[in-house]
N, C-alpha and C. Protein backbone atom coordinates (compact mmCIF):
# COMPACT_ATOMS: atom_id res chain seq x y z
N MET A 1 -52.47 -51.03 85.66
CA MET A 1 -51.26 -51.73 85.24
C MET A 1 -51.52 -52.56 83.97
N LEU A 2 -50.58 -52.44 83.02
CA LEU A 2 -50.68 -53.23 81.80
C LEU A 2 -50.57 -54.66 82.04
N PRO A 3 -51.33 -55.40 81.26
CA PRO A 3 -51.31 -56.98 81.44
C PRO A 3 -49.81 -57.40 80.95
N ARG A 4 -49.21 -58.45 81.57
CA ARG A 4 -47.93 -59.05 81.24
C ARG A 4 -48.05 -60.49 81.11
N THR A 5 -47.24 -61.06 80.39
CA THR A 5 -47.15 -62.50 80.30
C THR A 5 -46.13 -62.86 81.50
N LYS A 6 -46.17 -64.20 81.74
CA LYS A 6 -45.20 -64.61 82.78
C LYS A 6 -43.79 -64.69 82.01
N THR A 7 -42.77 -64.54 82.75
CA THR A 7 -41.37 -64.57 82.34
C THR A 7 -41.16 -66.02 81.92
N PRO A 8 -40.71 -66.26 80.61
CA PRO A 8 -40.44 -67.65 80.18
C PRO A 8 -39.14 -68.19 80.81
N LYS A 9 -39.15 -69.44 81.18
CA LYS A 9 -38.07 -70.06 81.89
C LYS A 9 -37.31 -70.98 80.79
N THR A 10 -37.92 -71.20 79.79
CA THR A 10 -37.35 -72.07 78.69
C THR A 10 -37.62 -71.47 77.33
N TRP A 11 -36.93 -72.06 76.35
CA TRP A 11 -37.13 -71.67 74.95
C TRP A 11 -38.48 -71.93 74.49
N GLU A 12 -38.94 -73.18 74.85
CA GLU A 12 -40.13 -73.59 74.46
C GLU A 12 -41.35 -72.59 75.10
N GLU A 13 -41.15 -72.18 76.22
CA GLU A 13 -42.22 -71.17 76.90
C GLU A 13 -42.19 -69.87 76.13
N LEU A 14 -40.97 -69.40 75.72
CA LEU A 14 -40.85 -68.19 75.03
C LEU A 14 -41.58 -68.37 73.69
N ASN A 15 -41.32 -69.37 72.99
CA ASN A 15 -41.91 -69.61 71.71
C ASN A 15 -43.48 -69.79 71.83
N GLU A 16 -43.97 -70.45 72.86
CA GLU A 16 -45.34 -70.49 73.19
C GLU A 16 -46.00 -69.15 73.25
N ILE A 17 -45.42 -68.31 74.05
CA ILE A 17 -45.86 -67.01 74.27
C ILE A 17 -45.92 -66.20 72.87
N ILE A 18 -44.87 -66.21 72.11
CA ILE A 18 -44.79 -65.64 70.84
C ILE A 18 -45.91 -66.21 69.84
N ASN A 19 -45.98 -67.49 69.85
CA ASN A 19 -47.09 -68.10 69.09
C ASN A 19 -48.51 -67.70 69.49
N ASP A 20 -48.73 -67.64 70.80
CA ASP A 20 -50.11 -67.09 71.28
C ASP A 20 -50.32 -65.80 70.82
N VAL A 21 -49.28 -64.93 70.90
CA VAL A 21 -49.45 -63.49 70.44
C VAL A 21 -49.87 -63.55 68.99
N TYR A 22 -49.22 -64.29 68.19
CA TYR A 22 -49.36 -64.42 66.80
C TYR A 22 -50.73 -64.87 66.44
N THR A 23 -51.21 -66.08 67.13
CA THR A 23 -52.43 -66.66 66.71
C THR A 23 -53.61 -66.31 67.34
N SER A 24 -53.55 -65.50 68.47
CA SER A 24 -54.86 -65.07 69.15
C SER A 24 -54.97 -63.54 69.23
N GLN A 25 -56.26 -63.31 69.72
CA GLN A 25 -56.54 -61.90 69.99
C GLN A 25 -56.33 -61.50 71.40
N LEU A 26 -55.06 -61.65 71.88
CA LEU A 26 -54.76 -61.29 73.15
C LEU A 26 -54.98 -59.79 73.39
N PRO A 27 -55.14 -59.18 74.70
CA PRO A 27 -55.32 -57.90 74.88
C PRO A 27 -54.13 -56.97 75.03
N TYR A 28 -53.15 -57.30 74.18
CA TYR A 28 -51.95 -56.56 74.08
C TYR A 28 -51.91 -55.70 72.85
N THR A 29 -51.29 -54.42 73.10
CA THR A 29 -51.03 -53.56 71.89
C THR A 29 -49.59 -53.28 71.76
N THR A 30 -48.79 -53.91 72.72
CA THR A 30 -47.25 -53.80 72.69
C THR A 30 -46.62 -55.01 72.97
N LEU A 31 -45.66 -55.38 72.22
CA LEU A 31 -44.88 -56.51 72.41
C LEU A 31 -43.43 -56.08 72.81
N ALA A 32 -42.84 -56.55 73.85
CA ALA A 32 -41.45 -56.07 74.24
C ALA A 32 -40.72 -57.29 74.80
N ILE A 33 -39.52 -57.48 74.27
CA ILE A 33 -38.64 -58.33 74.73
C ILE A 33 -37.57 -57.64 75.47
N ASP A 34 -37.44 -57.91 76.76
CA ASP A 34 -36.56 -57.21 77.62
C ASP A 34 -35.05 -57.33 77.30
N SER A 35 -34.79 -58.54 76.99
CA SER A 35 -33.33 -58.96 76.92
C SER A 35 -33.05 -59.92 75.85
N VAL A 36 -32.38 -59.62 74.69
CA VAL A 36 -31.94 -60.53 73.69
C VAL A 36 -30.88 -61.50 74.35
N THR A 37 -30.18 -61.00 75.27
CA THR A 37 -29.20 -61.94 75.85
C THR A 37 -29.92 -63.06 76.61
N ALA A 38 -30.99 -62.68 77.26
CA ALA A 38 -31.81 -63.70 77.91
C ALA A 38 -32.39 -64.69 76.94
N CYS A 39 -32.85 -64.26 75.76
CA CYS A 39 -33.29 -65.15 74.71
C CYS A 39 -32.20 -66.09 74.17
N GLU A 40 -31.01 -65.51 74.04
CA GLU A 40 -29.87 -66.32 73.67
C GLU A 40 -29.56 -67.34 74.52
N SER A 41 -29.72 -67.09 75.85
CA SER A 41 -29.49 -67.96 76.99
C SER A 41 -30.45 -69.30 76.93
N LEU A 42 -31.86 -68.79 76.60
CA LEU A 42 -32.94 -69.76 76.56
C LEU A 42 -32.69 -70.66 75.39
N ALA A 43 -32.22 -70.02 74.15
CA ALA A 43 -32.01 -70.80 72.95
C ALA A 43 -30.80 -71.81 73.21
N GLY A 44 -29.76 -71.21 73.96
CA GLY A 44 -28.62 -72.18 74.23
C GLY A 44 -28.96 -73.35 75.04
N GLY A 45 -29.89 -73.12 76.03
CA GLY A 45 -30.39 -74.20 76.94
C GLY A 45 -31.15 -75.20 76.07
N PHE A 46 -31.92 -74.78 75.17
CA PHE A 46 -32.74 -75.67 74.25
C PHE A 46 -31.72 -76.40 73.34
N VAL A 47 -30.74 -75.78 72.88
CA VAL A 47 -29.85 -76.54 72.00
C VAL A 47 -28.97 -77.55 72.68
N CYS A 48 -28.58 -77.22 73.80
CA CYS A 48 -27.90 -78.21 74.69
C CYS A 48 -28.84 -79.36 75.06
N LYS A 49 -29.96 -79.01 75.57
CA LYS A 49 -30.99 -80.17 75.85
C LYS A 49 -31.16 -81.14 74.54
N SER A 50 -31.42 -80.46 73.42
CA SER A 50 -31.66 -81.17 72.21
C SER A 50 -30.53 -82.12 71.77
N ASN A 51 -29.27 -81.61 72.18
CA ASN A 51 -28.05 -82.48 71.74
C ASN A 51 -27.52 -83.25 72.98
N GLY A 52 -28.16 -83.36 74.04
CA GLY A 52 -27.65 -84.03 75.27
C GLY A 52 -26.45 -83.65 75.78
N GLN A 53 -26.13 -82.21 75.70
CA GLN A 53 -24.93 -81.58 76.25
C GLN A 53 -25.19 -80.64 77.31
N LYS A 54 -24.09 -80.31 78.09
CA LYS A 54 -24.25 -79.39 79.13
C LYS A 54 -23.96 -77.94 78.71
N SER A 55 -23.30 -77.74 77.63
CA SER A 55 -22.88 -76.36 77.11
C SER A 55 -22.83 -76.49 75.58
N VAL A 56 -23.10 -75.31 75.10
CA VAL A 56 -23.05 -75.13 73.63
C VAL A 56 -21.75 -75.38 73.06
N ALA A 57 -20.59 -75.06 73.80
CA ALA A 57 -19.28 -75.25 73.31
C ALA A 57 -18.94 -76.73 73.27
N SER A 58 -19.72 -77.62 73.93
CA SER A 58 -19.53 -79.06 73.87
C SER A 58 -20.12 -79.68 72.51
N ILE A 59 -20.86 -78.92 71.78
CA ILE A 59 -21.42 -79.44 70.62
C ILE A 59 -20.45 -79.14 69.49
N PRO A 60 -19.82 -80.13 68.89
CA PRO A 60 -18.73 -79.89 67.87
C PRO A 60 -19.37 -79.19 66.58
N TYR A 61 -18.56 -78.22 66.24
CA TYR A 61 -18.85 -77.54 64.89
C TYR A 61 -20.07 -76.74 64.70
N ARG A 62 -21.16 -77.12 65.54
CA ARG A 62 -22.54 -76.41 65.14
C ARG A 62 -23.22 -75.92 66.39
N GLY A 63 -22.62 -75.90 67.57
CA GLY A 63 -23.44 -75.44 68.64
C GLY A 63 -23.93 -73.96 68.56
N ARG A 64 -22.98 -73.15 68.28
CA ARG A 64 -23.26 -71.69 68.16
C ARG A 64 -24.14 -71.54 66.99
N GLU A 65 -23.97 -72.20 65.80
CA GLU A 65 -24.77 -72.12 64.69
C GLU A 65 -26.16 -72.52 64.88
N GLU A 66 -26.47 -73.57 65.76
CA GLU A 66 -27.85 -73.94 66.13
C GLU A 66 -28.50 -72.92 66.96
N VAL A 67 -27.68 -72.27 67.89
CA VAL A 67 -28.28 -71.21 68.75
C VAL A 67 -28.66 -69.99 67.77
N ALA A 68 -27.75 -69.69 66.81
CA ALA A 68 -28.19 -68.58 65.88
C ALA A 68 -29.32 -68.88 64.98
N THR A 69 -29.50 -70.13 64.62
CA THR A 69 -30.59 -70.60 63.83
C THR A 69 -31.95 -70.38 64.58
N GLU A 70 -31.90 -70.74 66.02
CA GLU A 70 -33.06 -70.65 66.73
C GLU A 70 -33.46 -69.23 66.98
N LEU A 71 -32.40 -68.40 67.11
CA LEU A 71 -32.76 -66.86 67.26
C LEU A 71 -33.23 -66.33 65.95
N ARG A 72 -32.74 -66.83 64.83
CA ARG A 72 -33.42 -66.29 63.48
C ARG A 72 -34.84 -66.78 63.47
N LYS A 73 -35.12 -67.88 63.93
CA LYS A 73 -36.50 -68.35 63.85
C LYS A 73 -37.41 -67.37 64.73
N LEU A 74 -36.97 -67.03 65.96
CA LEU A 74 -37.59 -66.22 66.69
C LEU A 74 -37.81 -64.76 66.08
N LEU A 75 -36.71 -64.33 65.38
CA LEU A 75 -36.85 -63.01 64.82
C LEU A 75 -37.85 -63.12 63.58
N ASP A 76 -37.93 -64.16 62.89
CA ASP A 76 -38.86 -64.35 61.75
C ASP A 76 -40.23 -64.35 62.32
N LYS A 77 -40.53 -65.06 63.46
CA LYS A 77 -41.81 -64.97 64.04
C LYS A 77 -42.28 -63.46 64.48
N LEU A 78 -41.20 -62.81 65.03
CA LEU A 78 -41.62 -61.44 65.40
C LEU A 78 -41.81 -60.53 64.20
N ASN A 79 -41.11 -60.84 63.16
CA ASN A 79 -41.39 -60.03 61.92
C ASN A 79 -42.75 -60.31 61.39
N LEU A 80 -43.26 -61.58 61.41
CA LEU A 80 -44.52 -61.94 60.93
C LEU A 80 -45.57 -61.13 61.70
N ILE A 81 -45.33 -61.02 63.06
CA ILE A 81 -46.27 -60.35 63.96
C ILE A 81 -46.37 -58.87 63.56
N ARG A 82 -45.07 -58.22 63.26
CA ARG A 82 -45.00 -56.94 62.85
C ARG A 82 -45.68 -56.69 61.62
N LEU A 83 -45.74 -57.59 60.64
CA LEU A 83 -46.45 -57.45 59.25
C LEU A 83 -47.83 -57.68 59.30
N GLU A 84 -48.21 -58.72 60.06
CA GLU A 84 -49.59 -59.12 60.02
C GLU A 84 -50.53 -58.50 61.15
N LYS A 85 -49.86 -57.93 62.20
CA LYS A 85 -50.76 -57.43 63.31
C LYS A 85 -50.17 -56.00 63.48
N PRO A 86 -50.45 -55.04 62.58
CA PRO A 86 -49.90 -53.77 62.72
C PRO A 86 -50.23 -52.99 63.91
N TRP A 87 -51.33 -53.25 64.54
CA TRP A 87 -51.76 -52.51 65.69
C TRP A 87 -50.91 -52.93 66.97
N LEU A 88 -50.13 -53.97 66.80
CA LEU A 88 -49.12 -54.39 67.78
C LEU A 88 -47.94 -53.85 67.54
N SER A 89 -47.40 -52.98 68.40
CA SER A 89 -46.18 -52.29 68.19
C SER A 89 -45.06 -52.86 68.94
């Protein structure tokens, strides 16, 4: 069986896993994210927590924008992994 990471429960945990993949020589040759929807949910939870709100819709003018910004940061990290660790597909 292939080694797997634990399923992240928070945005911070997801970013920690991605950072670990980027900065270390883990025994992985494939990186897969099973659900972008789940990533969006984790990002939304992070944005809510950061703004002291219970829902993204409660954050005036910028809630969805902040979630999109967090998702772009994740995609940027994944792109760095793709460019700098070509053995990881």
